[in-house]
Protein backbone atom coordinates (compact mmCIF):
# COMPACT_ATOMS: atom_id res chain seq x y z
CA MET A 1 18.30 1.69 -63.57
CA GLU A 2 15.07 3.72 -63.41
CA TYR A 3 13.09 0.46 -64.04
CA PHE A 4 14.93 -1.18 -61.08
CA PHE A 5 14.02 1.66 -58.71
CA ARG A 6 10.32 1.60 -59.82
CA ARG A 7 10.32 -2.09 -59.16
CA LYS A 8 11.80 -1.75 -55.80
CA ARG A 9 9.20 0.93 -54.82
CA VAL A 10 6.33 -1.39 -56.00
CA LEU A 11 7.69 -4.29 -53.91
CA LYS A 12 8.03 -2.05 -50.77
CA THR A 13 4.50 -0.87 -51.23
CA LEU A 14 3.16 -4.50 -51.56
CA LEU A 15 5.14 -5.44 -48.50
CA SER A 16 3.66 -2.63 -46.43
CA LEU A 17 0.16 -3.54 -47.54
CA SER A 18 0.82 -7.16 -46.58
CA LEU A 19 2.09 -6.23 -43.12
CA LEU A 20 -0.99 -3.96 -42.61
CA PHE A 21 -3.37 -6.79 -43.65
CA ALA A 22 -1.62 -9.25 -41.32
CA THR A 23 -1.94 -6.78 -38.42
CA LEU A 24 -5.63 -6.23 -38.98
CA VAL A 25 -6.16 -9.98 -39.07
CA MET A 26 -4.21 -10.41 -35.69
CA ILE A 27 -6.24 -7.57 -34.05
CA HIS A 28 -9.51 -9.17 -35.15
CA LYS A 29 -8.31 -12.52 -33.90
CA TYR A 30 -7.39 -11.23 -30.43
CA LYS A 31 -10.72 -9.34 -30.16
CA LEU A 32 -12.45 -12.74 -30.76
CA VAL A 33 -10.23 -14.43 -28.16
CA ASP A 34 -10.86 -11.59 -25.67
CA GLU A 35 -14.63 -11.83 -26.17
CA ARG A 36 -14.55 -15.58 -25.55
CA ALA A 37 -12.36 -15.04 -22.40
CA LYS A 38 -14.67 -12.54 -20.79
CA GLY A 39 -17.00 -15.29 -19.63
CA SER A 40 -14.24 -16.37 -17.16
CA MET A 41 -13.30 -12.93 -15.92
CA LEU A 42 -15.14 -10.36 -13.92
CA PRO A 43 -15.01 -6.89 -15.56
CA VAL A 44 -15.27 -4.83 -12.47
CA ARG A 45 -11.95 -3.20 -11.30
CA THR A 46 -11.43 -2.35 -7.61
CA GLN A 47 -10.95 1.24 -6.67
CA GLU A 48 -7.16 1.87 -6.62
CA ALA A 49 -7.57 4.54 -3.92
CA LEU A 50 -6.66 2.04 -1.18
CA GLY A 51 -3.09 3.15 -0.61
CA TRP A 52 -1.87 0.08 1.27
CA PHE A 53 -2.29 -2.00 -1.79
CA GLN A 54 0.51 -0.03 -3.25
CA LEU A 55 2.75 -0.01 -0.14
CA GLU A 56 6.07 -1.82 -0.51
CA ASN A 57 9.02 0.19 0.63
CA ASP A 58 12.52 -0.49 -0.69
CA VAL A 59 13.61 -1.40 2.83
CA TYR A 60 11.56 -4.63 2.49
CA GLN A 61 13.86 -5.94 -0.18
CA SER A 62 16.65 -7.01 2.22
CA ASN A 63 17.83 -10.67 2.30
CA THR A 64 16.75 -11.44 5.87
CA ILE A 65 15.71 -15.09 6.17
CA LEU A 66 14.59 -16.01 9.72
CA LYS A 67 11.58 -14.28 11.06
CA GLY A 68 12.70 -13.87 14.71
CA GLY A 69 13.97 -11.07 16.89
CA LEU A 70 13.66 -9.54 20.34
CA SER A 71 10.35 -9.05 21.96
CA ASN A 72 8.76 -7.89 25.33
CA ASN A 73 5.49 -8.87 26.92
CA ASN A 74 3.43 -5.76 26.42
CA SER A 75 0.81 -6.75 23.94
CA PRO A 76 -0.82 -4.00 21.79
CA PRO A 77 -4.55 -3.40 22.01
CA ARG A 78 -6.67 -5.42 19.58
CA LEU A 79 -7.58 -3.26 16.56
CA ALA A 80 -11.24 -2.54 16.12
CA ASP A 81 -12.84 -3.17 12.68
CA SER A 82 -14.96 -0.48 10.94
CA SER A 83 -18.61 -0.91 10.34
CA GLU A 84 -17.82 -2.16 6.84
CA ALA A 85 -15.65 -5.02 7.99
CA ALA A 86 -18.61 -7.32 8.78
CA ASN A 87 -20.00 -6.83 5.24
CA LEU A 88 -16.62 -7.54 3.61
CA THR A 89 -15.54 -10.47 5.66
CA ALA A 90 -18.76 -12.42 6.35
CA VAL A 91 -18.33 -16.18 5.76
CA SER A 92 -20.34 -17.11 2.68
CA ASN A 93 -22.01 -20.26 1.58
CA ALA A 94 -21.96 -19.06 -1.98
CA THR A 95 -21.72 -21.54 -4.82
CA ALA A 96 -19.73 -19.01 -6.96
CA TRP A 97 -17.32 -16.12 -6.26
CA ASP A 98 -19.77 -13.56 -4.90
CA ILE A 99 -17.48 -10.50 -4.51
CA LYS A 100 -18.16 -8.10 -7.40
CA LEU A 101 -17.09 -4.83 -5.97
CA VAL A 102 -15.17 -3.58 -2.85
CA ASN A 103 -15.98 -0.10 -1.72
CA CYS A 104 -13.75 -0.19 1.47
CA THR A 105 -13.09 2.98 3.47
CA GLU A 106 -10.31 3.34 5.94
CA ASN A 107 -10.96 2.71 9.61
CA SER A 108 -10.19 6.42 10.42
CA GLY A 109 -11.00 6.06 14.13
CA LEU A 110 -7.69 4.38 14.63
CA LYS A 111 -5.80 7.50 13.81
CA LYS A 112 -6.71 8.91 17.27
CA LYS A 113 -5.22 5.98 19.12
CA ASP A 114 -1.82 6.69 20.84
CA TRP A 115 -0.43 3.26 19.83
CA PHE A 116 -1.27 4.02 16.15
CA LYS A 117 0.51 7.39 16.32
CA ARG A 118 3.69 5.67 17.75
CA MET A 119 3.67 2.94 15.15
CA ASP A 120 6.11 3.01 12.13
CA PRO A 121 4.32 5.06 9.48
CA ARG A 122 5.03 2.25 6.83
CA PHE A 123 2.30 0.29 8.61
CA HIS A 124 -0.37 2.86 8.79
CA GLN A 125 -2.09 2.09 5.57
CA PHE A 126 -2.05 -1.60 6.25
CA VAL A 127 -3.75 -1.17 9.64
CA LEU A 128 -6.33 1.37 8.33
CA TYR A 129 -7.49 -1.04 5.55
CA ARG A 130 -6.81 -4.46 6.94
CA HIS A 131 -10.48 -5.17 7.53
CA CYS A 132 -10.83 -5.47 3.71
CA LYS A 133 -10.24 -9.15 3.05
CA TYR A 134 -12.15 -10.34 -0.05
CA PHE A 135 -11.79 -8.91 -3.56
CA PRO A 136 -13.24 -9.40 -7.11
CA MET A 137 -11.72 -12.01 -9.24
CA LEU A 138 -10.17 -10.97 -12.61
CA ILE A 139 -9.36 -14.53 -13.74
CA ASN A 140 -11.08 -17.61 -12.44
CA HIS A 141 -10.87 -21.37 -13.10
CA PRO A 142 -13.36 -23.27 -11.01
CA GLU A 143 -13.05 -26.22 -13.49
CA LYS A 144 -9.60 -27.03 -12.01
CA CYS A 145 -11.36 -28.78 -9.06
CA GLY A 146 -13.69 -30.77 -11.26
CA GLY A 147 -13.78 -34.53 -10.68
CA ASP A 148 -11.68 -36.18 -8.10
CA VAL A 149 -8.43 -34.23 -7.59
CA HIS A 150 -5.87 -36.00 -5.32
CA LEU A 151 -3.49 -33.10 -5.03
CA LEU A 152 -3.97 -29.50 -5.95
CA MET A 153 -0.55 -27.64 -6.46
CA VAL A 154 -1.06 -23.98 -5.54
CA VAL A 155 1.73 -21.63 -6.33
CA LYS A 156 2.12 -18.02 -5.19
CA SER A 157 3.52 -15.80 -8.04
CA VAL A 158 3.46 -12.25 -9.33
CA ILE A 159 2.69 -11.21 -12.87
CA GLU A 160 6.39 -10.39 -13.86
CA GLN A 161 7.59 -13.79 -12.81
CA HIS A 162 6.34 -15.53 -15.96
CA ASP A 163 9.82 -17.39 -16.35
CA ARG A 164 9.35 -18.94 -12.94
CA ARG A 165 5.87 -20.11 -13.75
CA GLU A 166 7.06 -21.65 -17.00
CA ALA A 167 9.83 -23.55 -15.20
CA VAL A 168 7.25 -24.84 -12.61
CA ARG A 169 4.85 -25.97 -15.38
CA LYS A 170 7.60 -28.02 -17.05
CA THR A 171 8.78 -29.65 -13.74
CA TRP A 172 6.96 -30.19 -10.42
CA GLY A 173 3.88 -28.27 -11.47
CA LYS A 174 3.11 -30.39 -14.57
CA GLU A 175 -0.48 -31.50 -14.57
CA GLN A 176 -0.57 -35.27 -14.70
CA GLU A 177 -2.02 -38.46 -13.28
CA ILE A 178 0.24 -40.83 -11.36
CA ASP A 179 -1.10 -44.25 -10.41
CA GLY A 180 -4.63 -42.99 -10.83
CA LYS A 181 -3.94 -39.87 -8.66
CA LYS A 182 -4.91 -36.64 -10.50
CA ILE A 183 -2.68 -33.57 -9.93
CA ARG A 184 -3.75 -30.08 -10.95
CA THR A 185 -1.92 -26.70 -10.63
CA LEU A 186 -2.86 -23.16 -10.07
CA PHE A 187 -0.98 -19.91 -9.76
CA LEU A 188 -2.20 -17.16 -7.46
CA LEU A 189 -1.78 -13.59 -8.62
CA GLY A 190 -2.78 -10.11 -7.67
CA SER A 191 -2.81 -7.08 -9.89
CA PRO A 192 0.34 -5.17 -11.09
CA SER A 193 1.74 -2.80 -8.46
CA ALA A 194 1.42 0.94 -8.86
CA GLY A 195 4.10 2.60 -11.06
CA LYS A 196 4.44 -0.40 -13.35
CA ASP A 197 3.11 -0.71 -16.93
CA SER A 198 -0.13 -2.11 -15.51
CA LYS A 199 -2.18 -2.27 -18.68
CA ASN A 200 0.38 -4.26 -20.72
CA LEU A 201 1.32 -6.40 -17.82
CA GLN A 202 -2.30 -7.31 -17.35
CA LYS A 203 -2.72 -8.10 -21.06
CA LEU A 204 0.27 -10.37 -20.93
CA VAL A 205 -1.02 -12.34 -17.97
CA GLU A 206 -4.42 -12.67 -19.68
CA TYR A 207 -2.65 -13.91 -22.76
CA GLU A 208 -0.59 -16.40 -20.68
CA ASP A 209 -3.78 -17.68 -19.06
CA ARG A 210 -5.47 -18.17 -22.42
CA ILE A 211 -2.59 -20.56 -23.28
CA TYR A 212 -2.34 -22.45 -19.97
CA ARG A 213 -5.64 -21.79 -18.14
CA ASP A 214 -4.09 -22.12 -14.77
CA ILE A 215 -4.16 -18.67 -13.12
CA LEU A 216 -6.36 -17.30 -10.34
CA GLN A 217 -6.13 -13.44 -10.15
CA TRP A 218 -7.71 -11.07 -7.76
CA ASP A 219 -8.06 -7.29 -7.98
CA PHE A 220 -5.65 -6.22 -5.26
CA MET A 221 -2.08 -4.89 -5.65
CA ASP A 222 0.65 -7.62 -5.58
CA THR A 223 2.92 -6.38 -2.92
CA PHE A 224 4.68 -8.02 0.05
CA PHE A 225 2.05 -6.87 2.57
CA ASN A 226 -0.70 -8.31 0.41
CA LEU A 227 0.56 -11.90 0.40
CA THR A 228 -1.85 -12.56 3.34
CA LEU A 229 -4.69 -11.44 0.97
CA LYS A 230 -3.63 -14.40 -1.33
CA GLU A 231 -4.04 -16.77 1.59
CA VAL A 232 -7.55 -15.68 2.66
CA ASN A 233 -8.94 -15.26 -0.89
CA PHE A 234 -7.59 -18.68 -1.90
CA LEU A 235 -9.12 -20.29 1.18
CA LYS A 236 -12.48 -18.75 0.29
CA TRP A 237 -12.13 -19.84 -3.35
CA PHE A 238 -11.22 -23.34 -2.27
CA ASN A 239 -14.18 -23.58 0.04
CA ILE A 240 -16.53 -22.70 -2.79
CA TYR A 241 -15.12 -24.69 -5.79
CA CYS A 242 -13.12 -27.70 -4.47
CA PRO A 243 -15.38 -30.13 -2.55
CA ARG A 244 -13.63 -33.28 -3.91
CA VAL A 245 -9.97 -32.26 -3.64
CA GLN A 246 -8.22 -34.32 -1.03
CA PHE A 247 -4.89 -32.48 -0.47
CA ILE A 248 -3.19 -29.08 -1.25
CA PHE A 249 0.38 -28.33 -1.66
CA LYS A 250 0.94 -24.71 -1.33
CA GLY A 251 4.31 -23.00 -2.19
CA ASP A 252 6.36 -20.34 -3.86
CA ASP A 253 7.32 -20.27 -7.55
CA ASP A 254 11.10 -20.50 -6.64
CA VAL A 255 11.11 -23.91 -4.93
CA PHE A 256 12.02 -27.41 -6.07
CA VAL A 257 9.38 -29.95 -5.26
CA ASN A 258 9.77 -33.74 -5.68
CA THR A 259 6.32 -34.64 -6.64
CA ASN A 260 6.92 -38.38 -6.32
CA ASN A 261 8.12 -38.07 -2.73
CA VAL A 262 5.12 -35.83 -1.87
CA LEU A 263 2.70 -38.48 -3.20
CA GLU A 264 4.73 -41.14 -1.36
CA LEU A 265 4.36 -39.21 1.90
CA LEU A 266 0.61 -38.93 1.35
CA GLY A 267 0.46 -42.61 0.64
CA PHE A 268 2.08 -43.42 4.00
CA ARG A 269 -0.40 -41.09 5.80
CA LYS A 270 -3.63 -42.31 4.06
CA GLU A 271 -4.38 -44.83 6.84
CA ASP A 272 -3.62 -42.37 9.60
CA PRO A 273 -6.91 -41.41 11.44
CA LYS A 274 -5.51 -37.88 11.82
CA VAL A 275 -4.81 -37.50 8.05
CA GLY A 276 -7.85 -35.05 7.84
CA GLY A 277 -5.88 -32.57 10.00
CA LEU A 278 -2.62 -32.93 8.05
CA PHE A 279 -0.53 -29.73 8.05
CA VAL A 280 3.17 -30.50 7.49
CA GLY A 281 6.20 -28.53 6.53
CA ASP A 282 9.26 -26.72 7.82
CA THR A 283 7.91 -25.76 11.17
CA ILE A 284 9.24 -22.76 13.06
CA SER A 285 8.53 -22.66 16.82
CA LYS A 286 9.19 -20.05 19.56
CA ALA A 287 9.94 -17.24 16.97
CA VAL A 288 9.31 -13.64 17.99
CA PRO A 289 8.86 -10.63 15.85
CA ILE A 290 11.90 -8.96 14.35
CA ARG A 291 12.43 -5.37 15.49
CA ASN A 292 15.23 -4.46 13.00
CA SER A 293 13.45 -1.86 10.80
CA GLN A 294 15.72 -2.75 7.95
CA SER A 295 14.48 -6.38 7.75
CA LYS A 296 11.91 -7.63 5.27
CA TYR A 297 10.05 -9.11 8.13
CA PHE A 298 10.16 -6.17 10.54
CA ILE A 299 7.07 -5.91 12.74
CA PRO A 300 6.68 -2.91 15.11
CA LYS A 301 5.83 -3.74 18.64
CA GLU A 302 2.66 -1.61 18.37
CA LEU A 303 1.30 -4.03 15.75
CA TYR A 304 2.30 -7.24 17.50
CA ASP A 305 4.20 -7.75 20.77
CA LYS A 306 4.24 -11.40 21.78
CA PRO A 307 5.85 -14.62 20.53
CA TYR A 308 4.54 -15.98 17.27
CA PRO A 309 2.56 -19.25 17.34
CA PRO A 310 4.18 -22.26 15.61
CA TYR A 311 4.07 -21.79 11.81
CA VAL A 312 5.58 -23.39 8.74
CA GLY A 313 7.85 -21.69 6.22
CA GLY A 314 5.72 -20.37 3.36
CA GLY A 315 8.03 -21.81 0.79
CA GLY A 316 6.12 -24.99 0.66
CA PHE A 317 3.73 -27.04 2.87
CA LEU A 318 1.12 -29.82 2.65
CA MET A 319 -2.39 -29.76 4.11
CA ALA A 320 -5.53 -31.80 4.03
CA SER A 321 -8.65 -30.32 2.35
CA GLY A 322 -10.75 -30.64 5.55
CA LEU A 323 -8.23 -28.52 7.52
CA ALA A 324 -8.22 -25.95 4.65
CA ARG A 325 -12.01 -25.44 5.16
CA LYS A 326 -11.51 -25.03 8.92
CA LEU A 327 -8.76 -22.49 8.24
CA PHE A 328 -11.18 -20.53 6.04
CA ALA A 329 -13.77 -20.28 8.73
CA VAL A 330 -11.11 -19.27 11.25
CA SER A 331 -9.28 -16.78 8.96
CA ASP A 332 -12.54 -14.96 8.35
CA ASP A 333 -12.56 -13.82 11.98
CA THR A 334 -8.83 -13.31 12.28
CA GLU A 335 -7.16 -9.85 11.77
CA LEU A 336 -4.76 -9.77 8.80
CA PHE A 337 -1.08 -9.93 9.54
CA PRO A 338 1.64 -8.67 7.19
CA ILE A 339 3.52 -11.84 7.17
CA ASP A 340 1.40 -14.55 5.40
CA ASP A 341 3.01 -17.77 6.86
CA VAL A 342 2.85 -16.32 10.42
CA PHE A 343 -0.91 -15.45 9.76
CA LEU A 344 -1.61 -19.09 8.82
CA GLY A 345 0.06 -20.08 12.09
CA MET A 346 -2.28 -17.80 13.93
CA CYS A 347 -5.23 -19.43 12.26
CA LEU A 348 -3.95 -22.91 12.96
CA GLN A 349 -3.70 -22.03 16.58
CA LYS A 350 -7.26 -20.62 16.68
CA ALA A 351 -8.44 -23.90 14.96
CA GLY A 352 -6.82 -26.00 17.61
CA HIS A 353 -4.16 -27.46 15.27
CA ALA A 354 -0.35 -27.48 15.38
CA PRO A 355 1.91 -27.77 12.32
CA GLU A 356 4.02 -30.88 11.95
CA LEU A 357 7.71 -30.64 11.42
CA HIS A 358 9.08 -32.81 8.56
CA PRO A 359 12.79 -33.05 7.68
CA GLY A 360 12.04 -33.34 4.01
CA PHE A 361 10.88 -29.74 3.79
CA LYS A 362 13.89 -27.38 3.41
CA THR A 363 12.11 -23.98 2.87
CA PHE A 364 15.28 -22.13 4.04
CA GLY A 365 17.49 -24.08 1.84
CA ILE A 366 19.72 -27.11 2.51
CA MET A 367 22.65 -25.17 3.91
CA LYS A 368 22.78 -21.49 4.71
CA ARG A 369 26.31 -21.26 3.33
CA LYS A 370 25.97 -20.78 -0.49
CA VAL A 371 29.30 -22.45 -1.08
CA SER A 372 28.20 -25.75 0.48
CA PRO A 373 28.32 -28.61 -2.04
CA MET A 374 25.10 -30.03 -0.58
CA ASN A 375 23.19 -27.15 -2.17
CA ASN A 376 24.04 -28.56 -5.59
CA ASP A 377 23.98 -32.22 -4.78
CA PRO A 378 21.19 -33.88 -6.81
CA CYS A 379 21.05 -36.91 -4.38
CA PHE A 380 19.92 -34.55 -1.56
CA TYR A 381 17.15 -33.27 -3.94
CA ARG A 382 16.16 -36.76 -4.80
CA GLY A 383 15.59 -37.68 -1.13
CA LEU A 384 13.83 -34.44 -0.03
CA LEU A 385 10.39 -33.09 -0.76
CA VAL A 386 10.79 -29.19 -0.90
CA ILE A 387 13.97 -27.17 -1.36
CA HIS A 388 14.03 -23.30 -1.40
CA LYS A 389 15.44 -21.28 -3.34
CA LEU A 390 16.14 -21.82 -7.03
CA SER A 391 16.19 -19.68 -10.17
CA PRO A 392 14.16 -20.96 -13.16
CA GLU A 393 17.37 -22.18 -14.78
CA GLU A 394 18.55 -23.95 -11.70
CA LEU A 395 15.17 -25.61 -11.26
CA LEU A 396 15.09 -26.95 -14.84
CA ASN A 397 18.59 -28.21 -14.68
CA MET A 398 18.20 -29.87 -11.27
CA TRP A 399 14.94 -31.48 -12.32
CA LYS A 400 16.74 -33.14 -15.33
CA ILE A 401 19.52 -34.40 -13.17
CA VAL A 402 17.51 -35.68 -10.25
CA PHE A 403 15.16 -37.68 -12.48
CA ASN A 404 17.89 -38.98 -14.66
CA GLU A 405 17.75 -42.75 -14.42
CA HIS A 406 21.44 -43.04 -14.59
CA LEU A 407 21.85 -41.06 -11.27
CA ILE A 408 22.98 -43.40 -8.53
CA CYS A 409 22.61 -42.25 -4.88
CA SER A 410 23.86 -44.24 -1.99
CA LYS A 411 21.43 -43.00 0.63
CA ARG A 412 17.81 -41.94 0.85
CA ILE A 413 15.86 -40.13 3.43
CA ILE A 414 12.96 -42.06 4.90
CA LEU A 415 9.65 -40.12 4.31
CA HIS A 416 7.37 -41.61 6.89
C-alpha cells in the first residue's frame, strides 16, 4: 500500500511538471505571435478621459424601432467647434492612417450657452466632444483592398459579439469569388466600453483577428453614441486604402444578406450611367426626431429641431465607391450626430444625392408582428436582399434552408 501511494505522488509530480512546461511553451508562443502582430497595430492608446466615449445610459436599451416623432420648427443654433477641431478633422491626402494620438479637449465655451443648459444632460458630453472625429487604429488591414475588389462587405460589430461575427463569416460574409467578382469582408470595432473587462476583451479580439485577419479597430469606446464615429473613421480609411474597390455593402452583424441577389442587383445596374452615385436601401423619408426620452433614438430639440433628411436604415445598404469618397469629403465638414444612419442622410443631402428605396431591403424586418409566418418563410429570404433581425443561430439555420437546392418557391421578387 505504501508503494502505491509513493507511486501516486510521483505521477502527480510528473503531471504538474508537464502542465507547467506546456504553459511556458504556450506563453512563449503567444509572445512570438504578439510580436509579429504588432506590425499591423498602433501601440498608442487614446486618453480615456473623454467622458462621452463611455456614455450609454440604460434608457437607450429600449426596443423602439422607428426613428420618428413630433417636432416643431425652431432650429437650435449651430454648435461652434473648438480651436482643435480643425486639426482633428482636416481632410487628409495621406497614403496611410495618419492619426497616431488624439489629445482632444472639450469645447467648454458651449457650457455658457442657454440652449446647452436646457438640453438633456445625457447629451452634454457628446456635444462637448463631438468635434473629435478621427482616432488611432489599433488593428488595421489595408491589404483587404488589394487588387480589384468588386464588393467590400463592411459589418458594424462590437467586441463581445464574436458569435455574430462567426455566423456572418460562415454565411453572407464568407470571402469568395463569384463569376470572377472578388468579395472581401471587414468588421468595424471600437474599444471595450468602460466598466467591462477591457484588457481581456482586447486580448480576445486581437486573438480573433490573428485567426481571421478581418477586423478594423479604432481607439474610441464602443457605445451607441459612437456608432457615427465608425462611419466617419471607415470613410476616411476607405478613402486611403481602397482605390480599386467598386462597391460597398455596409450593415449590422445581425442581418441576413442574400449575397447572390446583391451581386445580381449590381449586375443589373452596371450599365446605368448613374451607377457611380448608387446608394440604395430601406429608405426612410419625412421622419422627424423622437421626443420620447425613453426611446433609444431620443433626440432633444436643443440638439436638432427640424425634419430629418431622407436616409436609409443602417441595418444594410449598398453604395458605389465613388459616392463613398464624396461622403468622406462631406462628412469631414459635417457635425457628428448621435444616430449614425441619420448622419449619413445628412451627408448625402449635402453631397446632393438622395438615397434610393428598394423593396428587397427589409432593415426593419419582414413583418412587425413576431408571430407572422412570413418572418420564418425561407422563400421570402430567397427573394430579398437584406432582412433584419436574426440571432446567430437563426442566421445559420435560415442560410442552410434558403440555399438548399431542394427548396422550391413559387414566386420571386424582381430585383431590377
